[in-house]
């Protein structure tokens, strides 16, 4: 797997998932780690972009809209992965995330949205 830096927002943050990712050598920062608890979605995406971290979230509606606006405005983000809340177990999320991250080089995720459901 390529070296990935991942940002997990509050919606998707789960201590077991974060620990499992870290144990597999994924560099993970959560919204709480970044001091962005209860921050806006835009602030979280900008933080992730600044640190060149792919953002993982369950908030499809807001992050798809943010993605569209940033790309239209000529700005960038490091990538967005959208999961579905309460659809996957921690193990299911982990397997899908690792499969997705292994499929792309980090630079291939720039300004890209991927849905976890595609990676089963």
PDB file of N, CA and C in Angstrom:
ATOM      1  N   UNK A   1       0.845  -1.183   0.000  1.00  0.00           N
ATOM      2  CA  UNK A   1       0.000   0.000   0.000  1.00  0.00           C
ATOM      3  C   UNK A   1       0.885   1.239   0.000  1.00  0.00           C
ATOM      4  N   UNK A   2       0.460   2.232  -0.735  1.00  0.00           N
ATOM      5  CA  UNK A   2       1.174   3.499  -0.767  1.00  0.00           C
ATOM      6  C   UNK A   2       1.032   4.181   0.589  1.00  0.00           C
ATOM      7  N   UNK A   3       1.906   5.124   0.853  1.00  0.00           N
ATOM      8  CA  UNK A   3       1.838   5.844   2.120  1.00  0.00           C
ATOM      9  C   UNK A   3       0.677   6.834   2.089  1.00  0.00           C
ATOM     10  N   UNK A   4      -0.272   6.649   2.964  1.00  0.00           N
ATOM     11  CA  UNK A   4      -1.443   7.516   3.015  1.00  0.00           C
ATOM     12  C   UNK A   4      -1.540   8.261   4.316  1.00  0.00           C
ATOM     13  N   UNK A   5      -2.049   9.472   4.195  1.00  0.00           N
ATOM     14  CA  UNK A   5      -2.383  10.298   5.345  1.00  0.00           C
ATOM     15  C   UNK A   5      -3.898  10.467   5.293  1.00  0.00           C
ATOM     16  N   UNK A   6      -4.575  10.057   6.352  1.00  0.00           N
ATOM     17  CA  UNK A   6      -6.029  10.053   6.384  1.00  0.00           C
ATOM     18  C   UNK A   6      -6.532  10.975   7.485  1.00  0.00           C
ATOM     19  N   UNK A   7      -7.607  11.696   7.198  1.00  0.00           N
ATOM     20  CA  UNK A   7      -8.280  12.547   8.170  1.00  0.00           C
ATOM     21  C   UNK A   7      -9.684  11.979   8.335  1.00  0.00           C
ATOM     22  N   UNK A   8     -10.054  11.626   9.552  1.00  0.00           N
ATOM     23  CA  UNK A   8     -11.378  11.065   9.821  1.00  0.00           C
ATOM     24  C   UNK A   8     -12.201  12.124  10.534  1.00  0.00           C
ATOM     25  N   UNK A   9     -13.304  12.543   9.884  1.00  0.00           N
ATOM     26  CA  UNK A   9     -14.122  13.588  10.498  1.00  0.00           C
ATOM     27  C   UNK A   9     -14.953  13.016  11.644  1.00  0.00           C
ATOM     28  N   UNK A  10     -15.668  13.886  12.340  1.00  0.00           N
ATOM     29  CA  UNK A  10     -16.431  13.454  13.519  1.00  0.00           C
ATOM     30  C   UNK A  10     -17.497  12.423  13.188  1.00  0.00           C
ATOM     31  N   UNK A  11     -18.135  12.564  12.035  1.00  0.00           N
ATOM     32  CA  UNK A  11     -19.198  11.632  11.660  1.00  0.00           C
ATOM     33  C   UNK A  11     -18.679  10.200  11.549  1.00  0.00           C
ATOM     34  N   UNK A  12     -17.498  10.037  10.992  1.00  0.00           N
ATOM     35  CA  UNK A  12     -16.954   8.703  10.725  1.00  0.00           C
ATOM     36  C   UNK A  12     -16.007   8.211  11.811  1.00  0.00           C
ATOM     37  N   UNK A  13     -15.689   9.069  12.758  1.00  0.00           N
ATOM     38  CA  UNK A  13     -14.695   8.720  13.762  1.00  0.00           C
ATOM     39  C   UNK A  13     -15.182   7.598  14.677  1.00  0.00           C
ATOM     40  N   UNK A  14     -14.393   6.577  14.757  1.00  0.00           N
ATOM     41  CA  UNK A  14     -14.663   5.430  15.618  1.00  0.00           C
ATOM     42  C   UNK A  14     -13.306   4.981  16.150  1.00  0.00           C
ATOM     43  N   UNK A  15     -13.170   4.937  17.460  1.00  0.00           N
ATOM     44  CA  UNK A  15     -11.874   4.629  18.073  1.00  0.00           C
ATOM     45  C   UNK A  15     -11.321   3.286  17.598  1.00  0.00           C
ATOM     46  N   UNK A  16     -12.183   2.290  17.426  1.00  0.00           N
ATOM     47  CA  UNK A  16     -11.718   0.978  16.986  1.00  0.00           C
ATOM     48  C   UNK A  16     -11.209   1.029  15.544  1.00  0.00           C
ATOM     49  N   UNK A  17     -11.911   1.756  14.687  1.00  0.00           N
ATOM     50  CA  UNK A  17     -11.472   1.887  13.299  1.00  0.00           C
ATOM     51  C   UNK A  17     -10.150   2.634  13.215  1.00  0.00           C
ATOM     52  N   UNK A  18     -10.033   3.727  13.946  1.00  0.00           N
ATOM     53  CA  UNK A  18      -8.798   4.523  13.940  1.00  0.00           C
ATOM     54  C   UNK A  18      -7.632   3.662  14.435  1.00  0.00           C
ATOM     55  N   UNK A  19      -7.840   2.913  15.514  1.00  0.00           N
ATOM     56  CA  UNK A  19      -6.781   2.047  16.044  1.00  0.00           C
ATOM     57  C   UNK A  19      -6.394   0.968  15.028  1.00  0.00           C
ATOM     58  N   UNK A  20      -7.388   0.399  14.360  1.00  0.00           N
ATOM     59  CA  UNK A  20      -7.108  -0.647  13.367  1.00  0.00           C
ATOM     60  C   UNK A  20      -6.323  -0.081  12.185  1.00  0.00           C
ATOM     61  N   UNK A  21      -6.682   1.110  11.728  1.00  0.00           N
ATOM     62  CA  UNK A  21      -5.945   1.747  10.634  1.00  0.00           C
ATOM     63  C   UNK A  21      -4.513   2.042  11.052  1.00  0.00           C
ATOM     64  N   UNK A  22      -4.362   2.590  12.246  1.00  0.00           N
ATOM     65  CA  UNK A  22      -3.009   2.907  12.729  1.00  0.00           C
ATOM     66  C   UNK A  22      -2.160   1.654  12.878  1.00  0.00           C
ATOM     67  N   UNK A  23      -2.777   0.557  13.296  1.00  0.00           N
ATOM     68  CA  UNK A  23      -2.014  -0.688  13.454  1.00  0.00           C
ATOM     69  C   UNK A  23      -1.556  -1.238  12.111  1.00  0.00           C
ATOM     70  N   UNK A  24      -2.175  -0.751  11.045  1.00  0.00           N
ATOM     71  CA  UNK A  24      -1.786  -1.141   9.684  1.00  0.00           C
ATOM     72  C   UNK A  24      -0.972  -0.046   9.007  1.00  0.00           C
ATOM     73  N   UNK A  25      -0.400   0.813   9.818  1.00  0.00           N
ATOM     74  CA  UNK A  25       0.542   1.846   9.372  1.00  0.00           C
ATOM     75  C   UNK A  25      -0.080   2.935   8.500  1.00  0.00           C
ATOM     76  N   UNK A  26      -1.378   3.191   8.700  1.00  0.00           N
ATOM     77  CA  UNK A  26      -2.007   4.333   8.040  1.00  0.00           C
ATOM     78  C   UNK A  26      -1.888   5.511   9.003  1.00  0.00           C
ATOM     79  N   UNK A  27      -1.381   6.618   8.520  1.00  0.00           N
ATOM     80  CA  UNK A  27      -1.227   7.837   9.317  1.00  0.00           C
ATOM     81  C   UNK A  27      -2.604   8.490   9.417  1.00  0.00           C
ATOM     82  N   UNK A  28      -3.239   8.380  10.575  1.00  0.00           N
ATOM     83  CA  UNK A  28      -4.609   8.853  10.763  1.00  0.00           C
ATOM     84  C   UNK A  28      -4.656   9.982  11.780  1.00  0.00           C
ATOM     85  N   UNK A  29      -5.389  11.042  11.429  1.00  0.00           N
ATOM     86  CA  UNK A  29      -5.702  12.131  12.342  1.00  0.00           C
ATOM     87  C   UNK A  29      -7.218  12.263  12.354  1.00  0.00           C
ATOM     88  N   UNK A  30      -7.771  12.421  13.539  1.00  0.00           N
ATOM     89  CA  UNK A  30      -9.214  12.635  13.663  1.00  0.00           C
ATOM     90  C   UNK A  30      -9.495  14.123  13.851  1.00  0.00           C
ATOM     91  N   UNK A  31     -10.748  14.483  13.722  1.00  0.00           N
ATOM     92  CA  UNK A  31     -11.144  15.878  13.946  1.00  0.00           C
ATOM     93  C   UNK A  31     -10.754  16.319  15.352  1.00  0.00           C
ATOM     94  N   UNK A  32     -10.902  15.439  16.317  1.00  0.00           N
ATOM     95  CA  UNK A  32     -10.531  15.762  17.697  1.00  0.00           C
ATOM     96  C   UNK A  32      -9.024  15.968  17.797  1.00  0.00           C
ATOM     97  N   UNK A  33      -8.235  15.084  17.184  1.00  0.00           N
ATOM     98  CA  UNK A  33      -6.770  15.231  17.178  1.00  0.00           C
ATOM     99  C   UNK A  33      -6.362  16.592  16.614  1.00  0.00           C
ATOM    100  N   UNK A  34      -7.073  17.028  15.568  1.00  0.00           N
ATOM    101  CA  UNK A  34      -6.738  18.271  14.874  1.00  0.00           C
ATOM    102  C   UNK A  34      -7.293  19.507  15.582  1.00  0.00           C
ATOM    103  N   UNK A  35      -8.010  19.296  16.692  1.00  0.00           N
ATOM    104  CA  UNK A  35      -8.605  20.424  17.409  1.00  0.00           C
ATOM    105  C   UNK A  35      -9.797  21.023  16.673  1.00  0.00           C
ATOM    106  N   UNK A  36     -10.459  20.204  15.859  1.00  0.00           N
ATOM    107  CA  UNK A  36     -11.577  20.699  15.053  1.00  0.00           C
ATOM    108  C   UNK A  36     -12.914  20.060  15.422  1.00  0.00           C
ATOM    109  N   UNK A  37     -13.026  19.627  16.665  1.00  0.00           N
ATOM    110  CA  UNK A  37     -14.302  19.074  17.119  1.00  0.00           C
ATOM    111  C   UNK A  37     -15.382  20.140  16.941  1.00  0.00           C
ATOM    112  N   UNK A  38     -16.471  19.749  16.291  1.00  0.00           N
ATOM    113  CA  UNK A  38     -17.614  20.634  16.026  1.00  0.00           C
ATOM    114  C   UNK A  38     -17.300  21.748  15.028  1.00  0.00           C
ATOM    115  N   UNK A  39     -16.193  21.646  14.310  1.00  0.00           N
ATOM    116  CA  UNK A  39     -15.876  22.632  13.272  1.00  0.00           C
ATOM    117  C   UNK A  39     -16.758  22.372  12.048  1.00  0.00           C
ATOM    118  N   UNK A  40     -16.829  23.352  11.181  1.00  0.00           N
ATOM    119  CA  UNK A  40     -17.625  23.195   9.966  1.00  0.00           C
ATOM    120  C   UNK A  40     -16.985  22.143   9.063  1.00  0.00           C
ATOM    121  N   UNK A  41     -17.794  21.608   8.182  1.00  0.00           N
ATOM    122  CA  UNK A  41     -17.277  20.637   7.215  1.00  0.00           C
ATOM    123  C   UNK A  41     -16.198  21.278   6.346  1.00  0.00           C
ATOM    124  N   UNK A  42     -16.410  22.522   5.964  1.00  0.00           N
ATOM    125  CA  UNK A  42     -15.431  23.215   5.134  1.00  0.00           C
ATOM    126  C   UNK A  42     -14.096  23.361   5.869  1.00  0.00           C
ATOM    127  N   UNK A  43     -14.141  23.706   7.155  1.00  0.00           N
ATOM    128  CA  UNK A  43     -12.909  23.843   7.934  1.00  0.00           C
ATOM    129  C   UNK A  43     -12.175  22.507   8.011  1.00  0.00           C
ATOM    130  N   UNK A  44     -12.929  21.425   8.176  1.00  0.00           N
ATOM    131  CA  UNK A  44     -12.303  20.111   8.251  1.00  0.00           C
ATOM    132  C   UNK A  44     -11.684  19.710   6.913  1.00  0.00           C
ATOM    133  N   UNK A  45     -12.387  19.978   5.811  1.00  0.00           N
ATOM    134  CA  UNK A  45     -11.836  19.642   4.500  1.00  0.00           C
ATOM    135  C   UNK A  45     -10.607  20.483   4.190  1.00  0.00           C
ATOM    136  N   UNK A  46     -10.634  21.741   4.560  1.00  0.00           N
ATOM    137  CA  UNK A  46      -9.469  22.612   4.328  1.00  0.00           C
ATOM    138  C   UNK A  46      -8.273  22.154   5.168  1.00  0.00           C
ATOM    139  N   UNK A  47      -8.524  21.756   6.395  1.00  0.00           N
ATOM    140  CA  UNK A  47      -7.443  21.234   7.244  1.00  0.00           C
ATOM    141  C   UNK A  47      -6.848  19.979   6.610  1.00  0.00           C
ATOM    142  N   UNK A  48      -7.708  19.070   6.188  1.00  0.00           N
ATOM    143  CA  UNK A  48      -7.232  17.845   5.550  1.00  0.00           C
ATOM    144  C   UNK A  48      -6.433  18.169   4.294  1.00  0.00           C
ATOM    145  N   UNK A  49      -6.917  19.116   3.500  1.00  0.00           N
ATOM    146  CA  UNK A  49      -6.221  19.498   2.264  1.00  0.00           C
ATOM    147  C   UNK A  49      -4.859  20.109   2.567  1.00  0.00           C
ATOM    148  N   UNK A  50      -4.818  20.982   3.566  1.00  0.00           N
ATOM    149  CA  UNK A  50      -3.560  21.631   3.944  1.00  0.00           C
ATOM    150  C   UNK A  50      -2.519  20.598   4.362  1.00  0.00           C
ATOM    151  N   UNK A  51      -2.965  19.565   5.065  1.00  0.00           N
ATOM    152  CA  UNK A  51      -2.061  18.509   5.519  1.00  0.00           C
ATOM    153  C   UNK A  51      -1.928  17.369   4.511  1.00  0.00           C
ATOM    154  N   UNK A  52      -2.544  17.537   3.346  1.00  0.00           N
ATOM    155  CA  UNK A  52      -2.542  16.522   2.285  1.00  0.00           C
ATOM    156  C   UNK A  52      -3.045  15.177   2.800  1.00  0.00           C
ATOM    157  N   UNK A  53      -4.178  15.249   3.496  1.00  0.00           N
ATOM    158  CA  UNK A  53      -4.824  14.053   4.030  1.00  0.00           C
ATOM    159  C   UNK A  53      -6.137  13.799   3.293  1.00  0.00           C
ATOM    160  N   UNK A  54      -6.383  12.559   2.952  1.00  0.00           N
ATOM    161  CA  UNK A  54      -7.663  12.164   2.375  1.00  0.00           C
ATOM    162  C   UNK A  54      -8.672  12.148   3.516  1.00  0.00           C
ATOM    163  N   UNK A  55      -9.816  12.777   3.298  1.00  0.00           N
ATOM    164  CA  UNK A  55     -10.840  12.881   4.335  1.00  0.00           C
ATOM    165  C   UNK A  55     -11.816  11.718   4.217  1.00  0.00           C
ATOM    166  N   UNK A  56     -12.122  11.076   5.345  1.00  0.00           N
ATOM    167  CA  UNK A  56     -13.114  10.004   5.406  1.00  0.00           C
ATOM    168  C   UNK A  56     -14.300  10.503   6.205  1.00  0.00           C
ATOM    169  N   UNK A  57     -15.502  10.374   5.634  1.00  0.00           N
ATOM    170  CA  UNK A  57     -16.712  10.895   6.250  1.00  0.00           C
ATOM    171  C   UNK A  57     -17.914  10.033   5.907  1.00  0.00           C
ATOM    172  N   UNK A  58     -18.995  10.237   6.641  1.00  0.00           N
ATOM    173  CA  UNK A  58     -20.297   9.653   6.299  1.00  0.00           C
ATOM    174  C   UNK A  58     -21.216  10.731   5.714  1.00  0.00           C
ATOM    175  N   UNK A  59     -20.769  11.968   5.698  1.00  0.00           N
ATOM    176  CA  UNK A  59     -21.605  13.115   5.326  1.00  0.00           C
ATOM    177  C   UNK A  59     -21.535  13.393   3.816  1.00  0.00           C
ATOM    178  N   UNK A  60     -22.214  12.567   3.047  1.00  0.00           N
ATOM    179  CA  UNK A  60     -22.156  12.666   1.582  1.00  0.00           C
ATOM    180  C   UNK A  60     -22.701  13.991   1.070  1.00  0.00           C
ATOM    181  N   UNK A  61     -23.828  14.413   1.572  1.00  0.00           N
ATOM    182  CA  UNK A  61     -24.489  15.614   1.054  1.00  0.00           C
ATOM    183  C   UNK A  61     -23.575  16.840   1.110  1.00  0.00           C
ATOM    184  N   UNK A  62     -23.027  17.122   2.280  1.00  0.00           N
ATOM    185  CA  UNK A  62     -22.211  18.322   2.444  1.00  0.00           C
ATOM    186  C   UNK A  62     -20.866  18.225   1.722  1.00  0.00           C
ATOM    187  N   UNK A  63     -20.222  17.059   1.808  1.00  0.00           N
ATOM    188  CA  UNK A  63     -18.899  16.959   1.206  1.00  0.00           C
ATOM    189  C   UNK A  63     -18.942  16.861  -0.319  1.00  0.00           C
ATOM    190  N   UNK A  64     -20.001  16.293  -0.879  1.00  0.00           N
ATOM    191  CA  UNK A  64     -20.142  16.322  -2.346  1.00  0.00           C
ATOM    192  C   UNK A  64     -20.323  17.764  -2.817  1.00  0.00           C
ATOM    193  N   UNK A  65     -21.112  18.542  -2.091  1.00  0.00           N
ATOM    194  CA  UNK A  65     -21.310  19.953  -2.450  1.00  0.00           C
ATOM    195  C   UNK A  65     -20.005  20.740  -2.308  1.00  0.00           C
ATOM    196  N   UNK A  66     -19.272  20.515  -1.223  1.00  0.00           N
ATOM    197  CA  UNK A  66     -17.984  21.195  -1.028  1.00  0.00           C
ATOM    198  C   UNK A  66     -16.999  20.827  -2.132  1.00  0.00           C
ATOM    199  N   UNK A  67     -16.956  19.569  -2.473  1.00  0.00           N
ATOM    200  CA  UNK A  67     -16.084  19.112  -3.555  1.00  0.00           C
ATOM    201  C   UNK A  67     -16.400  19.870  -4.839  1.00  0.00           C
ATOM    202  N   UNK A  68     -17.667  19.931  -5.194  1.00  0.00           N
ATOM    203  CA  UNK A  68     -18.071  20.624  -6.409  1.00  0.00           C
ATOM    204  C   UNK A  68     -17.671  22.086  -6.405  1.00  0.00           C
ATOM    205  N   UNK A  69     -17.879  22.741  -5.285  1.00  0.00           N
ATOM    206  CA  UNK A  69     -17.537  24.159  -5.187  1.00  0.00           C
ATOM    207  C   UNK A  69     -16.027  24.387  -5.297  1.00  0.00           C
ATOM    208  N   UNK A  70     -15.248  23.585  -4.593  1.00  0.00           N
ATOM    209  CA  UNK A  70     -13.794  23.751  -4.633  1.00  0.00           C
ATOM    210  C   UNK A  70     -13.243  23.513  -6.038  1.00  0.00           C
ATOM    211  N   UNK A  71     -13.695  22.462  -6.672  1.00  0.00           N
ATOM    212  CA  UNK A  71     -13.200  22.154  -8.007  1.00  0.00           C
ATOM    213  C   UNK A  71     -13.595  23.258  -8.985  1.00  0.00           C
ATOM    214  N   UNK A  72     -14.828  23.745  -8.874  1.00  0.00           N
ATOM    215  CA  UNK A  72     -15.291  24.834  -9.737  1.00  0.00           C
ATOM    216  C   UNK A  72     -14.453  26.093  -9.519  1.00  0.00           C
ATOM    217  N   UNK A  73     -14.078  26.350  -8.270  1.00  0.00           N
ATOM    218  CA  UNK A  73     -13.289  27.540  -7.940  1.00  0.00           C
ATOM    219  C   UNK A  73     -11.788  27.355  -8.186  1.00  0.00           C
ATOM    220  N   UNK A  74     -11.401  26.208  -8.702  1.00  0.00           N
ATOM    221  CA  UNK A  74      -9.986  25.967  -8.995  1.00  0.00           C
ATOM    222  C   UNK A  74      -9.153  25.638  -7.769  1.00  0.00           C
ATOM    223  N   UNK A  75      -9.790  25.282  -6.675  1.00  0.00           N
ATOM    224  CA  UNK A  75      -9.068  24.897  -5.462  1.00  0.00           C
ATOM    225  C   UNK A  75      -8.915  23.383  -5.434  1.00  0.00           C
ATOM    226  N   UNK A  76      -8.213  22.868  -4.442  1.00  0.00           N
ATOM    227  CA  UNK A  76      -8.016  21.430  -4.391  1.00  0.00           C
ATOM    228  C   UNK A  76      -8.303  20.890  -2.994  1.00  0.00           C
ATOM    229  N   UNK A  77      -8.520  19.612  -2.956  1.00  0.00           N
ATOM    230  CA  UNK A  77      -8.509  18.861  -1.701  1.00  0.00           C
ATOM    231  C   UNK A  77      -7.739  17.585  -1.983  1.00  0.00           C
ATOM    232  N   UNK A  78      -7.339  16.889  -0.944  1.00  0.00           N
ATOM    233  CA  UNK A  78      -6.485  15.710  -1.100  1.00  0.00           C
ATOM    234  C   UNK A  78      -7.280  14.444  -1.384  1.00  0.00           C
ATOM    235  N   UNK A  79      -8.601  14.567  -1.435  1.00  0.00           N
ATOM    236  CA  UNK A  79      -9.469  13.427  -1.710  1.00  0.00           C
ATOM    237  C   UNK A  79     -10.503  13.263  -0.612  1.00  0.00           C
ATOM    238  N   UNK A  80     -11.623  12.679  -0.989  1.00  0.00           N
ATOM    239  CA  UNK A  80     -12.708  12.433  -0.042  1.00  0.00           C
ATOM    240  C   UNK A  80     -13.184  10.999  -0.234  1.00  0.00           C
ATOM    241  N   UNK A  81     -13.322  10.290   0.869  1.00  0.00           N
ATOM    242  CA  UNK A  81     -13.917   8.954   0.861  1.00  0.00           C
ATOM    243  C   UNK A  81     -15.207   9.054   1.664  1.00  0.00           C
ATOM    244  N   UNK A  82     -16.293   8.599   1.050  1.00  0.00           N
ATOM    245  CA  UNK A  82     -17.596   8.686   1.705  1.00  0.00           C
ATOM    246  C   UNK A  82     -18.104   7.284   2.002  1.00  0.00           C
ATOM    247  N   UNK A  83     -18.357   7.041   3.286  1.00  0.00           N
ATOM    248  CA  UNK A  83     -18.938   5.781   3.729  1.00  0.00           C
ATOM    249  C   UNK A  83     -20.395   5.996   4.060  1.00  0.00           C
ATOM    250  N   UNK A  84     -21.041   4.938   4.472  1.00  0.00           N
ATOM    251  CA  UNK A  84     -22.443   5.009   4.864  1.00  0.00           C
ATOM    252  C   UNK A  84     -22.552   4.631   6.330  1.00  0.00           C
ATOM    253  N   UNK A  85     -23.070   5.544   7.112  1.00  0.00           N
ATOM    254  CA  UNK A  85     -23.183   5.318   8.555  1.00  0.00           C
ATOM    255  C   UNK A  85     -24.064   4.113   8.837  1.00  0.00           C
ATOM    256  N   UNK A  86     -23.648   3.284   9.729  1.00  0.00           N
ATOM    257  CA  UNK A  86     -24.365   2.108  10.212  1.00  0.00           C
ATOM    258  C   UNK A  86     -24.594   1.054   9.139  1.00  0.00           C
ATOM    259  N   UNK A  87     -23.826   1.109   8.059  1.00  0.00           N
ATOM    260  CA  UNK A  87     -23.954   0.082   7.028  1.00  0.00           C
ATOM    261  C   UNK A  87     -22.870  -0.977   7.166  1.00  0.00           C
ATOM    262  N   UNK A  88     -21.693  -0.573   7.617  1.00  0.00           N
ATOM    263  CA  UNK A  88     -20.564  -1.491   7.686  1.00  0.00           C
ATOM    264  C   UNK A  88     -20.064  -1.625   9.114  1.00  0.00           C
ATOM    265  N   UNK A  89     -19.574  -2.803   9.412  1.00  0.00           N
ATOM    266  CA  UNK A  89     -18.899  -3.006  10.689  1.00  0.00           C
ATOM    267  C   UNK A  89     -17.544  -2.300  10.611  1.00  0.00           C
ATOM    268  N   UNK A  90     -16.866  -2.216  11.730  1.00  0.00           N
ATOM    269  CA  UNK A  90     -15.514  -1.656  11.734  1.00  0.00           C
ATOM    270  C   UNK A  90     -14.629  -2.476  10.796  1.00  0.00           C
ATOM    271  N   UNK A  91     -14.721  -3.791  10.869  1.00  0.00           N
ATOM    272  CA  UNK A  91     -13.930  -4.643   9.984  1.00  0.00           C
ATOM    273  C   UNK A  91     -14.266  -4.417   8.514  1.00  0.00           C
ATOM    274  N   UNK A  92     -15.542  -4.241   8.222  1.00  0.00           N
ATOM    275  CA  UNK A  92     -15.971  -3.974   6.849  1.00  0.00           C
ATOM    276  C   UNK A  92     -15.435  -2.652   6.333  1.00  0.00           C
ATOM    277  N   UNK A  93     -15.483  -1.630   7.187  1.00  0.00           N
ATOM    278  CA  UNK A  93     -14.915  -0.332   6.802  1.00  0.00           C
ATOM    279  C   UNK A  93     -13.410  -0.453   6.575  1.00  0.00           C
ATOM    280  N   UNK A  94     -12.746  -1.131   7.492  1.00  0.00           N
ATOM    281  CA  UNK A  94     -11.294  -1.281   7.413  1.00  0.00           C
ATOM    282  C   UNK A  94     -10.887  -1.970   6.114  1.00  0.00           C
ATOM    283  N   UNK A  95     -11.514  -3.097   5.805  1.00  0.00           N
ATOM    284  CA  UNK A  95     -11.178  -3.829   4.582  1.00  0.00           C
ATOM    285  C   UNK A  95     -11.401  -2.966   3.339  1.00  0.00           C
ATOM    286  N   UNK A  96     -12.508  -2.270   3.293  1.00  0.00           N
ATOM    287  CA  UNK A  96     -12.819  -1.438   2.131  1.00  0.00           C
ATOM    288  C   UNK A  96     -11.855  -0.253   2.025  1.00  0.00           C
ATOM    289  N   UNK A  97     -11.575   0.393   3.150  1.00  0.00           N
ATOM    290  CA  UNK A  97     -10.630   1.520   3.125  1.00  0.00           C
ATOM    291  C   UNK A  97      -9.248   1.077   2.667  1.00  0.00           C
ATOM    292  N   UNK A  98      -8.758  -0.028   3.200  1.00  0.00           N
ATOM    293  CA  UNK A  98      -7.429  -0.500   2.818  1.00  0.00           C
ATOM    294  C   UNK A  98      -7.383  -0.893   1.345  1.00  0.00           C
ATOM    295  N   UNK A  99      -8.431  -1.506   0.856  1.00  0.00           N
ATOM    296  CA  UNK A  99      -8.499  -1.869  -0.563  1.00  0.00           C
ATOM    297  C   UNK A  99      -8.489  -0.618  -1.440  1.00  0.00           C
ATOM    298  N   UNK A 100      -9.268   0.375  -1.070  1.00  0.00           N
ATOM    299  CA  UNK A 100      -9.329   1.634  -1.818  1.00  0.00           C
ATOM    300  C   UNK A 100      -7.972   2.332  -1.799  1.00  0.00           C
ATOM    301  N   UNK A 101      -7.388   2.459  -0.622  1.00  0.00           N
ATOM    302  CA  UNK A 101      -6.111   3.161  -0.498  1.00  0.00           C
ATOM    303  C   UNK A 101      -4.993   2.450  -1.258  1.00  0.00           C
ATOM    304  N   UNK A 102      -5.063   1.132  -1.347  1.00  0.00           N
ATOM    305  CA  UNK A 102      -4.052   0.377  -2.085  1.00  0.00           C
ATOM    306  C   UNK A 102      -4.193   0.559  -3.597  1.00  0.00           C
ATOM    307  N   UNK A 103      -5.376   0.948  -4.041  1.00  0.00           N
ATOM    308  CA  UNK A 103      -5.642   1.054  -5.478  1.00  0.00           C
ATOM    309  C   UNK A 103      -5.125   2.345  -6.110  1.00  0.00           C
ATOM    310  N   UNK A 104      -4.899   3.369  -5.299  1.00  0.00           N
ATOM    311  CA  UNK A 104      -4.501   4.673  -5.824  1.00  0.00           C
ATOM    312  C   UNK A 104      -3.230   5.170  -5.156  1.00  0.00           C
ATOM    313  N   UNK A 105      -2.412   5.868  -5.908  1.00  0.00           N
ATOM    314  CA  UNK A 105      -1.333   6.636  -5.316  1.00  0.00           C
ATOM    315  C   UNK A 105      -1.982   7.854  -4.665  1.00  0.00           C
ATOM    316  N   UNK A 106      -1.395   8.391  -3.584  1.00  0.00           N
ATOM    317  CA  UNK A 106      -2.006   9.551  -2.927  1.00  0.00           C
ATOM    318  C   UNK A 106      -2.311  10.703  -3.890  1.00  0.00           C
ATOM    319  N   UNK A 107      -1.426  10.961  -4.840  1.00  0.00           N
ATOM    320  CA  UNK A 107      -1.672  12.072  -5.770  1.00  0.00           C
ATOM    321  C   UNK A 107      -2.851  11.797  -6.701  1.00  0.00           C
ATOM    322  N   UNK A 108      -3.225  10.532  -6.869  1.00  0.00           N
ATOM    323  CA  UNK A 108      -4.390  10.202  -7.695  1.00  0.00           C
ATOM    324  C   UNK A 108      -5.703  10.486  -6.972  1.00  0.00           C
ATOM    325  N   UNK A 109      -5.643  10.686  -5.679  1.00  0.00           N
ATOM    326  CA  UNK A 109      -6.856  10.998  -4.918  1.00  0.00           C
ATOM    327  C   UNK A 109      -7.176  12.488  -4.903  1.00  0.00           C
ATOM    328  N   UNK A 110      -6.251  13.318  -5.352  1.00  0.00           N
ATOM    329  CA  UNK A 110      -6.481  14.766  -5.329  1.00  0.00           C
ATOM    330  C   UNK A 110      -7.727  15.100  -6.139  1.00  0.00           C
ATOM    331  N   UNK A 111      -8.632  15.870  -5.493  1.00  0.00           N
ATOM    332  CA  UNK A 111      -9.904  16.307  -6.076  1.00  0.00           C
ATOM    333  C   UNK A 111     -10.797  15.149  -6.513  1.00  0.00           C
ATOM    334  N   UNK A 112     -10.641  14.016  -5.873  1.00  0.00           N
ATOM    335  CA  UNK A 112     -11.426  12.830  -6.208  1.00  0.00           C
ATOM    336  C   UNK A 112     -12.338  12.463  -5.042  1.00  0.00           C
ATOM    337  N   UNK A 113     -13.536  11.997  -5.375  1.00  0.00           N
ATOM    338  CA  UNK A 113     -14.441  11.429  -4.376  1.00  0.00           C
ATOM    339  C   UNK A 113     -14.595   9.951  -4.687  1.00  0.00           C
ATOM    340  N   UNK A 114     -14.451   9.142  -3.671  1.00  0.00           N
ATOM    341  CA  UNK A 114     -14.693   7.708  -3.799  1.00  0.00           C
ATOM    342  C   UNK A 114     -15.724   7.294  -2.748  1.00  0.00           C
ATOM    343  N   UNK A 115     -16.601   6.393  -3.139  1.00  0.00           N
ATOM    344  CA  UNK A 115     -17.614   5.877  -2.231  1.00  0.00           C
ATOM    345  C   UNK A 115     -17.196   4.502  -1.755  1.00  0.00           C
ATOM    346  N   UNK A 116     -17.194   4.322  -0.454  1.00  0.00           N
ATOM    347  CA  UNK A 116     -16.740   3.079   0.152  1.00  0.00           C
ATOM    348  C   UNK A 116     -17.520   1.878  -0.382  1.00  0.00           C
ATOM    349  N   UNK A 117     -18.754   2.081  -0.756  1.00  0.00           N
ATOM    350  CA  UNK A 117     -19.609   0.990  -1.249  1.00  0.00           C
ATOM    351  C   UNK A 117     -19.048   0.340  -2.517  1.00  0.00           C
ATOM    352  N   UNK A 118     -18.214   1.038  -3.260  1.00  0.00           N
ATOM    353  CA  UNK A 118     -17.613   0.479  -4.479  1.00  0.00           C
ATOM    354  C   UNK A 118     -16.483  -0.496  -4.194  1.00  0.00           C
ATOM    355  N   UNK A 119     -16.021  -0.549  -2.954  1.00  0.00           N
ATOM    356  CA  UNK A 119     -14.795  -1.266  -2.634  1.00  0.00           C
ATOM    357  C   UNK A 119     -15.027  -2.523  -1.825  1.00  0.00           C
ATOM    358  N   UNK A 120     -16.114  -3.217  -2.071  1.00  0.00           N
ATOM    359  CA  UNK A 120     -16.450  -4.444  -1.341  1.00  0.00           C
ATOM    360  C   UNK A 120     -15.830  -5.603  -1.863  1.00  0.00           C
TER     361      UNK A 120
END
